[in-house]
N, C-alpha and C. Protein backbone atom coordinates (compact mmCIF):
# COMPACT_ATOMS: atom_id res chain seq x y z
N MET A 1 0.84 -1.18 0.00
CA MET A 1 0.00 0.00 0.00
C MET A 1 0.89 1.24 0.00
N ALA A 2 0.65 2.13 -0.92
CA ALA A 2 1.44 3.35 -1.02
C ALA A 2 0.99 4.35 0.05
N ARG A 3 1.97 4.99 0.66
CA ARG A 3 1.67 5.99 1.67
C ARG A 3 1.41 7.32 1.00
N GLU A 4 0.35 7.97 1.44
CA GLU A 4 0.03 9.29 0.91
C GLU A 4 0.86 10.33 1.66
N ARG A 5 1.34 11.30 0.94
CA ARG A 5 2.13 12.37 1.54
C ARG A 5 1.24 13.22 2.44
N ILE A 6 1.77 13.56 3.61
CA ILE A 6 1.02 14.39 4.56
C ILE A 6 1.05 15.84 4.09
N ARG A 7 -0.08 16.45 4.00
CA ARG A 7 -0.18 17.87 3.63
C ARG A 7 -0.29 18.67 4.93
N TRP A 8 0.86 19.06 5.45
CA TRP A 8 0.93 19.67 6.78
C TRP A 8 0.12 20.95 6.91
N PRO A 9 0.08 21.84 5.92
CA PRO A 9 -0.76 23.03 6.10
C PRO A 9 -2.24 22.66 6.35
N LEU A 10 -2.72 21.61 5.70
CA LEU A 10 -4.10 21.18 5.92
C LEU A 10 -4.26 20.54 7.29
N VAL A 11 -3.28 19.78 7.72
CA VAL A 11 -3.31 19.15 9.05
C VAL A 11 -3.30 20.24 10.13
N VAL A 12 -2.44 21.23 9.97
CA VAL A 12 -2.36 22.32 10.95
C VAL A 12 -3.68 23.08 11.01
N GLU A 13 -4.29 23.32 9.87
CA GLU A 13 -5.58 24.01 9.84
C GLU A 13 -6.66 23.18 10.53
N ARG A 14 -6.68 21.88 10.28
CA ARG A 14 -7.67 21.02 10.94
C ARG A 14 -7.42 20.99 12.45
N ALA A 15 -6.16 20.95 12.85
CA ALA A 15 -5.82 20.98 14.27
C ALA A 15 -6.32 22.28 14.90
N ARG A 16 -6.16 23.38 14.19
CA ARG A 16 -6.64 24.68 14.68
C ARG A 16 -8.16 24.64 14.88
N GLN A 17 -8.87 24.04 13.93
CA GLN A 17 -10.32 23.91 14.05
C GLN A 17 -10.71 23.07 15.26
N ILE A 18 -9.97 21.99 15.50
CA ILE A 18 -10.24 21.13 16.65
C ILE A 18 -10.05 21.92 17.94
N VAL A 19 -8.93 22.62 18.04
CA VAL A 19 -8.65 23.41 19.24
C VAL A 19 -9.72 24.47 19.43
N ASP A 20 -10.09 25.17 18.38
CA ASP A 20 -11.12 26.20 18.47
C ASP A 20 -12.46 25.60 18.91
N GLY A 21 -12.72 24.37 18.52
CA GLY A 21 -13.96 23.71 18.89
C GLY A 21 -14.07 23.40 20.37
N TYR A 22 -12.96 23.36 21.06
CA TYR A 22 -12.95 23.10 22.50
C TYR A 22 -13.09 24.38 23.32
N ALA A 23 -12.94 25.54 22.68
CA ALA A 23 -12.95 26.82 23.40
C ALA A 23 -14.24 26.96 24.19
N PRO A 24 -14.18 27.46 25.39
CA PRO A 24 -13.04 28.08 26.07
C PRO A 24 -12.17 27.07 26.83
N LEU A 25 -12.46 25.79 26.70
CA LEU A 25 -11.63 24.78 27.36
C LEU A 25 -10.29 24.64 26.66
N LYS A 26 -9.32 24.15 27.40
CA LYS A 26 -7.99 23.89 26.82
C LYS A 26 -7.97 22.47 26.27
N VAL A 27 -7.09 22.23 25.33
CA VAL A 27 -6.97 20.92 24.71
C VAL A 27 -5.49 20.55 24.66
N THR A 28 -5.20 19.27 24.81
CA THR A 28 -3.80 18.82 24.78
C THR A 28 -3.43 18.36 23.37
N LEU A 29 -2.14 18.29 23.15
CA LEU A 29 -1.63 17.77 21.89
C LEU A 29 -2.14 16.33 21.68
N ARG A 30 -2.15 15.55 22.76
CA ARG A 30 -2.62 14.17 22.66
C ARG A 30 -4.08 14.11 22.20
N GLN A 31 -4.92 15.00 22.73
CA GLN A 31 -6.32 15.03 22.31
C GLN A 31 -6.43 15.37 20.83
N VAL A 32 -5.65 16.32 20.38
CA VAL A 32 -5.67 16.70 18.96
C VAL A 32 -5.20 15.53 18.11
N MET A 33 -4.15 14.86 18.55
CA MET A 33 -3.64 13.70 17.80
C MET A 33 -4.69 12.61 17.68
N TYR A 34 -5.37 12.30 18.79
CA TYR A 34 -6.41 11.28 18.75
C TYR A 34 -7.53 11.65 17.80
N ARG A 35 -7.93 12.91 17.80
CA ARG A 35 -8.99 13.36 16.89
C ARG A 35 -8.55 13.24 15.44
N LEU A 36 -7.32 13.68 15.14
CA LEU A 36 -6.82 13.59 13.77
C LEU A 36 -6.69 12.15 13.32
N ALA A 37 -6.24 11.28 14.21
CA ALA A 37 -6.12 9.86 13.87
C ALA A 37 -7.50 9.24 13.65
N ALA A 38 -8.46 9.58 14.50
CA ALA A 38 -9.82 9.04 14.37
C ALA A 38 -10.47 9.48 13.06
N GLU A 39 -10.13 10.68 12.60
CA GLU A 39 -10.68 11.20 11.35
C GLU A 39 -9.92 10.67 10.13
N GLY A 40 -8.82 9.96 10.37
CA GLY A 40 -8.03 9.44 9.26
C GLY A 40 -7.11 10.46 8.63
N VAL A 41 -6.90 11.57 9.30
CA VAL A 41 -6.02 12.62 8.79
C VAL A 41 -4.56 12.22 8.93
N LEU A 42 -4.23 11.59 10.08
CA LEU A 42 -2.86 11.14 10.35
C LEU A 42 -2.90 9.71 10.86
N PRO A 43 -1.87 8.93 10.57
CA PRO A 43 -1.77 7.62 11.20
C PRO A 43 -1.40 7.78 12.67
N HIS A 44 -1.89 6.88 13.50
CA HIS A 44 -1.64 6.97 14.94
C HIS A 44 -0.37 6.20 15.27
N THR A 45 0.77 6.89 15.14
CA THR A 45 2.07 6.29 15.42
C THR A 45 2.91 7.28 16.23
N PRO A 46 3.84 6.79 17.04
CA PRO A 46 4.71 7.71 17.79
C PRO A 46 5.49 8.69 16.89
N PRO A 47 6.05 8.25 15.76
CA PRO A 47 6.74 9.23 14.92
C PRO A 47 5.81 10.33 14.40
N MET A 48 4.58 9.96 14.07
CA MET A 48 3.64 10.97 13.57
C MET A 48 3.25 11.94 14.68
N TYR A 49 3.15 11.45 15.92
CA TYR A 49 2.87 12.31 17.07
C TYR A 49 3.98 13.35 17.22
N ARG A 50 5.22 12.92 17.08
CA ARG A 50 6.36 13.85 17.18
C ARG A 50 6.34 14.86 16.03
N TRP A 51 6.01 14.41 14.82
CA TRP A 51 5.92 15.32 13.68
C TRP A 51 4.82 16.34 13.90
N LEU A 52 3.67 15.87 14.40
CA LEU A 52 2.57 16.80 14.67
C LEU A 52 3.00 17.84 15.69
N SER A 53 3.67 17.41 16.74
CA SER A 53 4.16 18.33 17.76
C SER A 53 5.06 19.40 17.13
N ALA A 54 5.98 18.98 16.30
CA ALA A 54 6.92 19.91 15.66
C ALA A 54 6.18 20.87 14.73
N GLN A 55 5.25 20.35 13.95
CA GLN A 55 4.51 21.19 13.00
C GLN A 55 3.65 22.23 13.72
N LEU A 56 2.99 21.81 14.81
CA LEU A 56 2.15 22.75 15.54
C LEU A 56 3.00 23.78 16.28
N ALA A 57 4.17 23.39 16.76
CA ALA A 57 5.08 24.35 17.39
C ALA A 57 5.52 25.40 16.37
N GLN A 58 5.82 24.96 15.17
CA GLN A 58 6.19 25.92 14.10
C GLN A 58 5.03 26.85 13.80
N ALA A 59 3.84 26.31 13.73
CA ALA A 59 2.66 27.13 13.42
C ALA A 59 2.41 28.16 14.52
N ARG A 60 2.60 27.75 15.77
CA ARG A 60 2.44 28.70 16.88
C ARG A 60 3.48 29.80 16.79
N GLY A 61 4.70 29.43 16.41
CA GLY A 61 5.76 30.43 16.26
C GLY A 61 5.45 31.42 15.16
N ARG A 62 4.93 30.94 14.06
CA ARG A 62 4.56 31.82 12.95
C ARG A 62 3.41 32.74 13.35
N ALA A 63 2.46 32.21 14.11
CA ALA A 63 1.31 33.01 14.53
C ALA A 63 1.70 34.09 15.53
N ALA A 64 2.73 33.81 16.34
CA ALA A 64 3.15 34.75 17.37
C ALA A 64 4.09 35.82 16.86
N SER A 65 4.77 35.56 15.73
CA SER A 65 5.74 36.54 15.23
C SER A 65 5.04 37.67 14.48
N PRO A 66 5.50 38.89 14.68
CA PRO A 66 4.89 40.03 13.98
C PRO A 66 5.23 39.98 12.49
N THR A 67 4.28 40.43 11.69
CA THR A 67 4.51 40.43 10.23
C THR A 67 4.68 41.81 9.70
């Protein structure tokens, strides 16, 4: 079975929607990962969890930096 390439901008956007859906409650990275895996957006593996963490950290950094 061929692996489909992860489209990180779409994953980050979906993660943002998930987090926004919990407002005003806080959500953990693990909760976001479980939701993305349940939706079939990402495979549920430790390496993918680490990649998601890195991608969301980058996205937070971009959002916090002035343009």
